[in-house]
Each structure stands twice: as C-alpha cells, then as structure tokens.
Protein backbone atom coordinates (compact mmCIF):
# COMPACT_ATOMS: atom_id res chain seq x y z
CA UNK A 1 -12.25 -54.34 91.30
CA UNK A 2 -14.15 -53.44 88.16
CA UNK A 3 -13.95 -56.19 85.53
CA UNK A 4 -12.54 -55.35 82.11
CA UNK A 5 -14.88 -54.18 79.39
CA UNK A 6 -14.89 -54.98 75.71
CA UNK A 7 -15.13 -52.22 73.14
CA UNK A 8 -18.48 -50.49 73.39
CA UNK A 9 -18.52 -50.63 77.19
CA UNK A 10 -19.62 -54.26 77.45
CA UNK A 11 -18.36 -55.67 80.74
CA UNK A 12 -16.54 -58.97 80.20
CA UNK A 13 -14.80 -60.56 83.18
CA UNK A 14 -11.57 -62.45 82.80
CA UNK A 15 -12.51 -66.08 82.17
CA UNK A 16 -15.44 -65.34 79.88
CA UNK A 17 -15.60 -67.80 76.99
CA UNK A 18 -16.28 -67.08 73.33
CA UNK A 19 -16.41 -70.36 71.48
CA UNK A 20 -13.06 -72.01 72.20
CA UNK A 21 -11.50 -68.79 73.52
CA UNK A 22 -11.18 -67.77 77.18
CA UNK A 23 -10.48 -64.10 77.93
CA UNK A 24 -7.23 -63.61 79.89
CA UNK A 25 -7.19 -59.84 80.01
CA UNK A 26 -6.91 -56.63 78.01
CA UNK A 27 -3.94 -56.42 75.66
CA UNK A 28 -1.80 -53.27 75.28
CA UNK A 29 -2.05 -53.88 71.54
CA UNK A 30 -4.93 -52.53 69.50
CA UNK A 31 -6.72 -53.99 66.52
CA UNK A 32 -7.30 -50.84 64.51
CA UNK A 33 -9.47 -48.60 66.71
CA UNK A 34 -10.76 -51.49 68.82
CA UNK A 35 -9.64 -52.70 72.22
CA UNK A 36 -7.81 -56.02 71.92
CA UNK A 37 -7.92 -58.95 74.30
CA UNK A 38 -5.51 -61.72 75.12
CA UNK A 39 -7.30 -65.05 74.89
CA UNK A 40 -6.32 -68.68 75.41
CA UNK A 41 -7.73 -71.18 72.98
CA UNK A 42 -8.78 -74.64 74.12
CA UNK A 43 -5.89 -76.03 72.07
CA UNK A 44 -3.39 -74.03 74.17
CA UNK A 45 -2.63 -71.20 71.75
CA UNK A 46 -2.55 -67.57 72.96
CA UNK A 47 -4.08 -65.05 70.57
CA UNK A 48 -4.87 -61.33 70.53
CA UNK A 49 -8.42 -60.64 69.35
CA UNK A 50 -10.34 -57.42 68.78
CA UNK A 51 -13.26 -56.94 71.14
CA UNK A 52 -15.75 -56.45 68.30
CA UNK A 53 -14.66 -59.77 66.78
CA UNK A 54 -15.32 -61.56 70.06
CA UNK A 55 -18.68 -59.90 70.66
CA UNK A 56 -19.78 -60.40 67.08
CA UNK A 57 -18.88 -64.06 67.07
CA UNK A 58 -16.40 -63.58 64.22
CA UNK A 59 -13.48 -65.08 66.15
CA UNK A 60 -14.20 -68.19 68.19
CA UNK A 61 -10.79 -69.88 68.24
CA UNK A 62 -7.12 -69.39 67.38
CA UNK A 63 -7.92 -70.76 63.93
CA UNK A 64 -8.14 -74.40 64.90
CA UNK A 65 -11.94 -74.36 64.71
CA UNK A 66 -11.86 -73.44 61.05
CA UNK A 67 -9.01 -75.86 60.49
CA UNK A 68 -11.16 -78.61 61.98
CA UNK A 69 -13.97 -77.65 59.65
CA UNK A 70 -11.58 -77.69 56.71
CA UNK A 71 -10.35 -81.10 57.84
CA UNK A 72 -13.90 -82.40 58.01
CA UNK A 73 -14.54 -81.00 54.54
CA UNK A 74 -11.42 -82.68 53.17
CA UNK A 75 -12.32 -85.95 54.89
CA UNK A 76 -15.78 -85.77 53.32
CA UNK A 77 -14.10 -85.59 49.92
CA UNK A 78 -11.78 -88.50 50.70
CA UNK A 79 -8.69 -86.41 51.55
CA UNK A 80 -6.56 -86.65 54.68
CA UNK A 81 -6.02 -83.81 57.15
CA UNK A 82 -2.41 -84.90 57.53
CA UNK A 83 -1.19 -83.31 54.31
CA UNK A 84 2.31 -81.87 54.91
CA UNK A 85 1.22 -78.26 54.39
CA UNK A 86 -1.29 -78.60 57.24
CA UNK A 87 1.40 -80.00 59.53
CA UNK A 88 3.63 -77.04 58.57
CA UNK A 89 0.82 -74.61 59.41
CA UNK A 90 0.23 -76.21 62.81
CA UNK A 91 3.96 -76.24 63.62
CA UNK A 92 4.29 -72.58 62.61
CA UNK A 93 1.45 -71.59 64.90
CA UNK A 94 2.87 -73.64 67.75
CA UNK A 95 6.21 -71.84 67.54
CA UNK A 96 4.59 -68.42 67.61
CA UNK A 97 1.47 -68.86 69.73
CA UNK A 98 1.94 -71.67 72.23
CA UNK A 99 4.10 -70.76 75.27
CA UNK A 100 4.47 -74.47 76.02
CA UNK A 101 6.18 -75.11 72.67
CA UNK A 102 9.91 -75.63 73.17
CA UNK A 103 10.66 -73.35 70.18
CA UNK A 104 8.43 -70.53 71.45
CA UNK A 105 11.34 -68.49 72.93
CA UNK A 106 13.16 -68.50 69.58
CA UNK A 107 10.12 -67.26 67.68
CA UNK A 108 7.45 -65.45 69.68
CA UNK A 109 10.12 -64.68 72.24
CA UNK A 110 11.99 -62.52 69.75
CA UNK A 111 8.94 -60.95 68.14
CA UNK A 112 8.17 -63.32 65.25
CA UNK A 113 4.45 -63.10 64.47
CA UNK A 114 1.96 -64.59 62.02
CA UNK A 115 -0.14 -62.37 59.77
CA UNK A 116 -3.84 -62.43 60.79
CA UNK A 117 -4.91 -63.81 57.41
CA UNK A 118 -3.01 -67.01 58.12
CA UNK A 119 -5.24 -67.82 61.09
CA UNK A 120 -7.17 -69.62 58.36
CA UNK A 121 -5.38 -72.67 56.99
CA UNK A 122 -7.24 -72.36 53.70
CA UNK A 123 -5.77 -68.89 53.17
CA UNK A 124 -2.29 -70.11 54.14
CA UNK A 125 -2.57 -72.95 51.63
CA UNK A 126 -3.86 -70.62 48.93
CA UNK A 127 -0.93 -68.24 49.44
CA UNK A 128 1.83 -70.84 49.78
CA UNK A 129 0.55 -73.64 47.56
CA UNK A 130 1.89 -77.19 47.75
CA UNK A 131 5.48 -77.95 48.71
CA UNK A 132 7.65 -78.45 45.60
CA UNK A 133 9.11 -81.60 47.18
CA UNK A 134 9.14 -83.46 50.51
CA UNK A 135 12.50 -81.79 51.27
CA UNK A 136 11.08 -78.27 51.09
CA UNK A 137 10.03 -76.49 54.28
CA UNK A 138 8.64 -73.06 55.06
CA UNK A 139 11.28 -70.31 55.20
CA UNK A 140 11.08 -66.64 56.20
CA UNK A 141 13.12 -64.58 53.73
CA UNK A 142 13.75 -61.95 56.41
CA UNK A 143 14.67 -63.97 59.50
CA UNK A 144 13.48 -61.15 61.74
CA UNK A 145 10.23 -60.71 59.82
CA UNK A 146 6.79 -62.30 60.25
CA UNK A 147 5.19 -65.34 58.74
CA UNK A 148 3.31 -63.69 55.88
CA UNK A 149 2.80 -64.21 52.12
CA UNK A 150 5.42 -61.63 51.14
CA UNK A 151 8.04 -62.96 53.55
CA UNK A 152 7.65 -66.73 53.17
CA UNK A 153 8.58 -69.34 50.60
CA UNK A 154 9.10 -73.07 50.32
CA UNK A 155 12.85 -73.59 50.55
CA UNK A 156 15.21 -76.52 50.10
CA UNK A 157 17.61 -77.47 52.93
CA UNK A 158 20.44 -75.62 51.14
CA UNK A 159 18.34 -72.47 50.80
CA UNK A 160 17.27 -72.75 54.43
CA UNK A 161 20.89 -73.11 55.57
CA UNK A 162 21.87 -69.95 53.71
CA UNK A 163 19.17 -68.01 55.50
CA UNK A 164 19.63 -69.21 59.08
CA UNK A 165 20.44 -66.64 61.74
CA UNK A 166 23.59 -68.58 62.58
CA UNK A 167 24.84 -68.65 58.97
CA UNK A 168 28.08 -66.70 58.67
CA UNK A 169 27.92 -63.89 56.11
CA UNK A 170 31.01 -62.31 54.56
CA UNK A 171 31.45 -59.14 52.55
CA UNK A 172 33.98 -59.39 49.73
CA UNK A 173 34.41 -57.20 46.67
CA UNK A 174 31.38 -55.16 47.67
CA UNK A 175 29.00 -58.12 47.97
CA UNK A 176 27.67 -59.83 51.08
CA UNK A 177 26.90 -63.54 50.87
CA UNK A 178 26.78 -66.58 53.11
CA UNK A 179 29.86 -68.76 53.31
CA UNK A 180 28.02 -71.44 51.37
CA UNK A 181 27.20 -69.01 48.56
CA UNK A 182 30.83 -67.84 48.36
CA UNK A 183 31.88 -71.48 48.07
CA UNK A 184 29.62 -71.84 45.04
CA UNK A 185 30.83 -68.58 43.48
CA UNK A 186 34.56 -69.24 43.94
CA UNK A 187 34.55 -73.00 43.45
CA UNK A 188 36.44 -73.41 46.72
CA UNK A 189 34.75 -75.89 49.10
CA UNK A 190 33.00 -74.49 52.13
CA UNK A 191 35.23 -76.36 54.65
CA UNK A 192 38.37 -75.02 52.94
CA UNK A 193 37.23 -71.39 53.13
CA UNK A 194 36.10 -71.85 56.74
CA UNK A 195 39.39 -73.49 57.75
CA UNK A 196 41.45 -70.75 56.09
CA UNK A 197 39.55 -68.03 57.92
CA UNK A 198 39.95 -69.86 61.23
CA UNK A 199 43.72 -69.92 60.62
CA UNK A 200 43.79 -66.15 60.29
CA UNK A 201 43.76 -65.77 56.51
CA UNK A 202 42.18 -62.60 55.16
CA UNK A 203 38.92 -62.91 53.22
CA UNK A 204 40.76 -62.07 49.98
CA UNK A 205 43.34 -64.79 50.64
CA UNK A 206 40.69 -67.35 51.54
CA UNK A 207 38.70 -66.60 48.38
CA UNK A 208 41.51 -66.41 45.83
CA UNK A 209 44.10 -68.99 46.83
CA UNK A 210 43.95 -72.14 44.67
CA UNK A 211 43.22 -75.45 46.33
CA UNK A 212 46.31 -76.93 47.95
CA UNK A 213 48.03 -73.55 48.21
CA UNK A 214 49.60 -72.05 51.29
CA UNK A 215 50.85 -68.58 52.11
CA UNK A 216 54.44 -67.90 51.02
CA UNK A 217 56.67 -68.00 54.14
CA UNK A 218 57.81 -64.41 53.53
CA UNK A 219 54.37 -63.12 52.62
CA UNK A 220 51.25 -62.37 54.64
CA UNK A 221 48.78 -60.63 52.33
CA UNK A 222 48.79 -59.62 48.70
CA UNK A 223 47.84 -60.60 45.14
CA UNK A 224 47.43 -64.15 43.93
CA UNK A 225 50.98 -64.51 42.43
CA UNK A 226 52.37 -64.65 45.97
CA UNK A 227 50.74 -68.00 46.59
CA UNK A 228 53.16 -70.91 46.85
CA UNK A 229 52.10 -74.42 45.84
CA UNK A 230 52.06 -76.78 48.76
CA UNK A 231 54.70 -79.53 48.39
C-alpha cells in the first residue's frame, strides 16, 4: 500500500514524527489549499496540521512546545507558569483536543473547536487578558460556537449560568431571556417562577402575579386583577 504523501508529493508514512507530533493519517479537512494531516502530540492532544507547516518546521507540537518556552521565559523573569489563565488555556485545549479528556464528548464531540491563533498561549493571553476576579471563568457567548476572541469572554458564575445549554429560556412580551434574567426583570424570585410554571401556570401568570398570590378559583388565565391574595 502506498504511504500517504504530504503536499508537494513528499511521501510521509503514518508514524513519521515532526518535533512532538506523530502523523496519524490524512485529514478530510484542508488548511487553505494544502493537504491537512491528523497528528498526535506527545502530550496526548490530536491536532490537524497543514502539510507545508509540518515540512517547513513551523508546527512541531499542539502548542505545548511554545507554551513550555513561554513558561521557561516567565520562570526566568521570576513568574510562575501556574497563573490561572494558563490553567484555563490548558483545560480548554483538553476539552477540545484530547480524546481521553472526560469532557471531550461534550465539546469536540459536538463540534466545538479552538481558533488556530490560540494554539499559542501568548496570543490567547493577549486576546483575553487577565481574569477580572478568581470567580471568573472563560465563557463562549454562542454555546455552539468556537473558542475564539470574538466568541469568548471572562464571565462570572451568574453570567455563565445564564448561558449554559441547559438554562431554560422563555419568550414573554416579545423578548427571550433565561429564567434567571426574567427573575431579575420582574423582581419575582427564580424558584417562584419555576414552581409556578411547573404547576401549569402560563408564562404571563407566572411573571405578573404578586408574591403570595394564587389563581382565583373561578379563573384560569387573564389580567392581573383576577389574582386573589393567598390567605
């Protein structure tokens, strides 16, 4: 069987190493006009690399090689490589690139990718900056979109909760918001709105009834004056 060839007709058998990368086989994807190759990095990550980048020595790892160099540079200047942003970067890459990561199916498994520029931690840090607080974590604005500068932000736990795939979103008066956001807008606690909806109340009833109110026995839906104060 003829071994695969890199762009330009260069024969490169499966198993050939380029730096920390080992060629697994040709990828159906393309990097521009170049043939792309699936490679496994020594750290366990799977990456797709253009053939010209491999042959030219431009890509020698999944990004960990440069990260190690950046770490050494920071250590030289008395800084630690365990800054929280670096840990975030490593965790992000694990979710999207490492099949052995337990979160891989929920990220790479549903098409979540990382923009090529963020293979370099220095670029990631430049784009994202420092976390505003220890409680902030990386958040994709579009949950089905990639990890990229235009789709990522540092978000608080409340902001993250609003944006989770499992967050319930309701449309009322022409606006769609999460249940938590509607609780803030209406002043009615989240558990109260949730409980009302579970009991079969309409969205309008759940959003407009004052606290402690119940539906009038002879009334199912309608304007706010039909609410009866709970005794």
